[in-house]
Amino acid sequence: MNTAEQIADAALTLFYRQGFHATGVDQLSEAAGVTKRTLYRHFPGKDHLIEAALVRRDEQFMARMRAFIEARAPADRPQAYIDFVLAWGHEPGFHGCAFINAAAEFSAPQDQPHLQASQHKQRVLAYLVQLCQDADVMSAEQLAHQLFLLGEGLIVTMQVMGTPSPAMANAARQTVTTWLAGATPTP
């Protein structure tokens, strides 16, 4: 890992845990194990570092989500998305979605972190559309939108309320099972 990646990874960890505005450059350089001068050599300003950290998060998240979901058979992958979201919410250090957090802190639609959040969510939705098409369900795009909204709701709920109760997790899974039953073509 090169120095820029090391700095971006350390920044991502702090931004995710503390927030973007609450994290100072002194903290960022200390966490990355570099001087402020080195940090500024790689990232001319904190905004550049936020952008790089969100790029890293997008890459890491998408790869992790794909690995989890694609370990299942194509027909089981729409349900696997909700299982992935629920498993993520049980992880220590879960602080919600870095992109939802970025959009909240940078609320103007033209702010770069807000744009990156929108692009990330569009990638997740496009992936869900592909999963539903690969699962050969009817109305794949509609089901993908339903999965997306359920997943986003779960993420925010887990961030605000903590790990979901078994009843809440079961309700989410049952909702997807019901949707899939109605969207699966009969032989």
Protein backbone atom coordinates (compact mmCIF):
# COMPACT_ATOMS: atom_id res chain seq x y z
CA MET A 1 0.00 0.00 0.00
CA ASN A 2 1.42 3.37 -0.97
CA THR A 3 1.42 6.45 1.26
CA ALA A 4 -1.64 8.04 -0.37
CA GLU A 5 -3.65 4.83 0.13
CA GLN A 6 -2.42 4.60 3.73
CA ILE A 7 -3.56 8.17 4.38
CA ALA A 8 -6.92 7.63 2.65
CA ASP A 9 -7.57 4.40 4.61
CA ALA A 10 -6.73 6.05 7.94
CA ALA A 11 -8.92 9.02 7.03
CA LEU A 12 -11.80 6.76 6.07
CA THR A 13 -11.64 5.05 9.45
CA LEU A 14 -11.75 8.37 11.29
CA PHE A 15 -14.38 9.94 9.06
CA TYR A 16 -16.59 6.88 9.45
CA ARG A 17 -16.26 6.83 13.23
CA GLN A 18 -16.27 10.58 14.00
CA GLY A 19 -17.77 12.31 11.00
CA PHE A 20 -16.19 14.37 8.26
CA HIS A 21 -16.44 17.81 9.83
CA ALA A 22 -15.47 16.62 13.32
CA THR A 23 -12.20 15.10 12.13
CA GLY A 24 -9.25 17.47 12.03
CA VAL A 25 -6.11 17.40 9.92
CA ASP A 26 -3.93 16.83 13.00
CA GLN A 27 -5.92 13.70 13.81
CA LEU A 28 -5.74 12.56 10.20
CA SER A 29 -1.97 12.88 9.93
CA GLU A 30 -1.48 11.19 13.31
CA ALA A 31 -3.78 8.28 12.41
CA ALA A 32 -2.00 7.80 9.09
CA GLY A 33 1.42 7.96 10.74
CA VAL A 34 2.59 10.84 8.55
CA THR A 35 3.38 14.48 9.06
CA LYS A 36 0.89 17.13 8.05
CA ARG A 37 3.35 18.16 5.35
CA THR A 38 3.28 14.64 3.89
CA LEU A 39 -0.50 14.55 4.11
CA TYR A 40 -0.75 17.85 2.23
CA ARG A 41 1.76 16.67 -0.36
CA HIS A 42 -0.62 13.83 -1.27
CA PHE A 43 -3.88 15.69 -0.64
CA PRO A 44 -3.80 19.48 -1.10
CA GLY A 45 -6.82 19.91 1.19
CA LYS A 46 -9.17 18.01 3.43
CA ASP A 47 -11.80 18.01 0.67
CA HIS A 48 -9.42 16.04 -1.56
CA LEU A 49 -8.85 13.57 1.24
CA ILE A 50 -12.60 13.17 1.82
CA GLU A 51 -13.05 12.47 -1.89
CA ALA A 52 -10.25 9.87 -1.88
CA ALA A 53 -11.59 8.21 1.27
CA LEU A 54 -15.05 7.89 -0.26
CA VAL A 55 -13.58 6.41 -3.45
CA ARG A 56 -11.80 3.80 -1.31
CA ARG A 57 -15.00 3.10 0.65
CA ASP A 58 -16.98 2.61 -2.54
CA GLU A 59 -14.42 0.15 -3.91
CA GLN A 60 -14.14 -1.77 -0.64
CA PHE A 61 -17.87 -1.86 0.03
CA MET A 62 -18.85 -2.97 -3.47
CA ALA A 63 -16.19 -5.73 -3.47
CA ARG A 64 -17.26 -6.93 -0.03
CA MET A 65 -20.95 -6.89 -0.91
CA ARG A 66 -20.35 -8.77 -4.17
CA ALA A 67 -18.23 -11.42 -2.46
CA PHE A 68 -20.92 -12.04 0.16
CA ILE A 69 -23.80 -12.14 -2.31
CA GLU A 70 -22.11 -13.98 -5.13
CA ALA A 71 -21.22 -16.86 -2.83
CA ARG A 72 -24.89 -17.82 -3.21
CA ALA A 73 -26.72 -19.28 -6.19
CA PRO A 74 -28.19 -16.64 -8.56
CA ALA A 75 -31.76 -17.38 -7.44
CA ASP A 76 -30.78 -16.74 -3.80
CA ARG A 77 -28.89 -13.50 -4.38
CA PRO A 78 -31.75 -11.01 -3.94
CA GLN A 79 -32.32 -12.43 -0.43
CA ALA A 80 -28.56 -12.48 0.14
CA TYR A 81 -28.48 -8.70 -0.23
CA ILE A 82 -30.70 -8.29 2.83
CA ASP A 83 -28.65 -10.93 4.67
CA PHE A 84 -25.52 -8.89 3.83
CA VAL A 85 -27.04 -5.67 5.18
CA LEU A 86 -28.18 -7.40 8.38
CA ALA A 87 -24.76 -9.05 8.90
CA TRP A 88 -23.03 -5.70 8.35
CA GLY A 89 -25.23 -4.09 11.02
CA HIS A 90 -24.05 -6.69 13.54
CA GLU A 91 -20.37 -5.87 13.03
CA PRO A 92 -18.47 -4.10 15.80
CA GLY A 93 -17.88 -0.48 14.89
CA PHE A 94 -20.92 -0.23 12.62
CA HIS A 95 -21.73 3.47 12.18
CA GLY A 96 -24.23 3.23 9.35
CA CYS A 97 -23.44 3.96 5.75
CA ALA A 98 -20.48 6.26 5.09
CA PHE A 99 -22.33 7.61 2.06
CA ILE A 100 -25.55 8.36 3.93
CA ASN A 101 -23.39 10.07 6.55
CA ALA A 102 -21.56 12.05 3.84
CA ALA A 103 -24.83 13.17 2.24
CA ALA A 104 -26.08 14.29 5.65
CA GLU A 105 -22.94 16.30 6.43
CA PHE A 106 -22.66 17.72 2.91
CA SER A 107 -26.33 18.31 2.20
CA ALA A 108 -26.04 20.52 -0.89
CA PRO A 109 -26.61 18.28 -3.93
CA GLN A 110 -23.63 19.87 -5.71
CA ASP A 111 -21.17 19.11 -2.85
CA GLN A 112 -18.62 16.53 -3.98
CA PRO A 113 -19.27 14.10 -1.08
CA HIS A 114 -23.01 14.35 -1.75
CA LEU A 115 -22.41 13.59 -5.43
CA GLN A 116 -20.23 10.63 -4.49
CA ALA A 117 -22.96 9.35 -2.17
CA SER A 118 -25.50 9.57 -4.96
CA GLN A 119 -23.18 7.76 -7.39
CA HIS A 120 -22.51 5.01 -4.84
CA LYS A 121 -26.21 4.46 -4.22
CA GLN A 122 -26.82 4.34 -7.98
CA ARG A 123 -24.13 1.62 -8.26
CA VAL A 124 -25.77 -0.40 -5.49
CA LEU A 125 -29.16 -0.08 -7.18
CA ALA A 126 -27.74 -1.07 -10.58
CA TYR A 127 -26.13 -4.11 -8.95
CA LEU A 128 -29.48 -5.09 -7.41
CA VAL A 129 -31.18 -4.77 -10.79
CA GLN A 130 -28.57 -7.12 -12.23
CA LEU A 131 -29.04 -9.57 -9.33
CA CYS A 132 -32.79 -9.65 -9.89
CA GLN A 133 -32.36 -10.12 -13.64
CA ASP A 134 -29.87 -12.94 -13.03
CA ALA A 135 -32.35 -14.53 -10.60
CA ASP A 136 -34.84 -14.54 -13.48
CA VAL A 137 -37.60 -12.81 -11.54
CA MET A 138 -40.46 -10.96 -13.18
CA SER A 139 -40.36 -7.18 -12.81
CA ALA A 140 -36.67 -7.36 -11.90
CA GLU A 141 -36.25 -3.59 -11.82
CA GLN A 142 -39.23 -3.12 -9.51
CA LEU A 143 -38.00 -5.83 -7.14
CA ALA A 144 -34.51 -4.27 -7.18
CA HIS A 145 -35.99 -0.92 -6.15
CA GLN A 146 -37.91 -2.61 -3.33
CA LEU A 147 -34.76 -4.39 -2.13
CA PHE A 148 -32.81 -1.15 -2.32
CA LEU A 149 -35.35 0.76 -0.23
CA LEU A 150 -35.63 -2.04 2.33
CA GLY A 151 -31.83 -2.23 2.60
CA GLU A 152 -31.47 1.52 3.00
CA GLY A 153 -34.16 1.54 5.66
CA LEU A 154 -32.43 -1.25 7.53
CA ILE A 155 -29.09 0.57 7.40
CA VAL A 156 -30.54 3.75 8.88
CA THR A 157 -32.59 1.85 11.45
CA MET A 158 -29.53 -0.09 12.60
CA GLN A 159 -27.47 3.09 12.81
CA VAL A 160 -30.10 4.84 14.92
CA MET A 161 -31.46 1.95 16.99
CA GLY A 162 -28.58 -0.53 17.03
CA THR A 163 -28.52 -4.15 16.04
CA PRO A 164 -31.95 -5.22 14.85
CA SER A 165 -33.98 -7.53 17.00
CA PRO A 166 -34.51 -11.04 15.66
CA ALA A 167 -38.13 -10.06 14.98
CA MET A 168 -37.04 -7.11 12.84
CA ALA A 169 -34.48 -9.19 10.95
CA ASN A 170 -37.06 -11.93 10.37
CA ALA A 171 -39.59 -9.37 9.17
CA ALA A 172 -37.09 -8.04 6.61
CA ARG A 173 -36.27 -11.53 5.39
CA GLN A 174 -39.95 -12.52 5.22
CA THR A 175 -40.72 -9.36 3.23
CA VAL A 176 -38.15 -10.37 0.61
CA THR A 177 -39.43 -13.95 0.57
CA THR A 178 -42.95 -12.63 -0.11
CA TRP A 179 -41.73 -10.30 -2.85
CA LEU A 180 -39.75 -13.11 -4.48
CA ALA A 181 -42.72 -15.48 -4.34
CA GLY A 182 -44.76 -12.92 -6.25
CA ALA A 183 -41.98 -12.19 -8.72
CA THR A 184 -40.86 -15.71 -9.58
CA PRO A 185 -42.27 -17.03 -12.83
CA THR A 186 -44.14 -20.29 -12.53
CA PRO A 187 -42.71 -23.19 -14.56
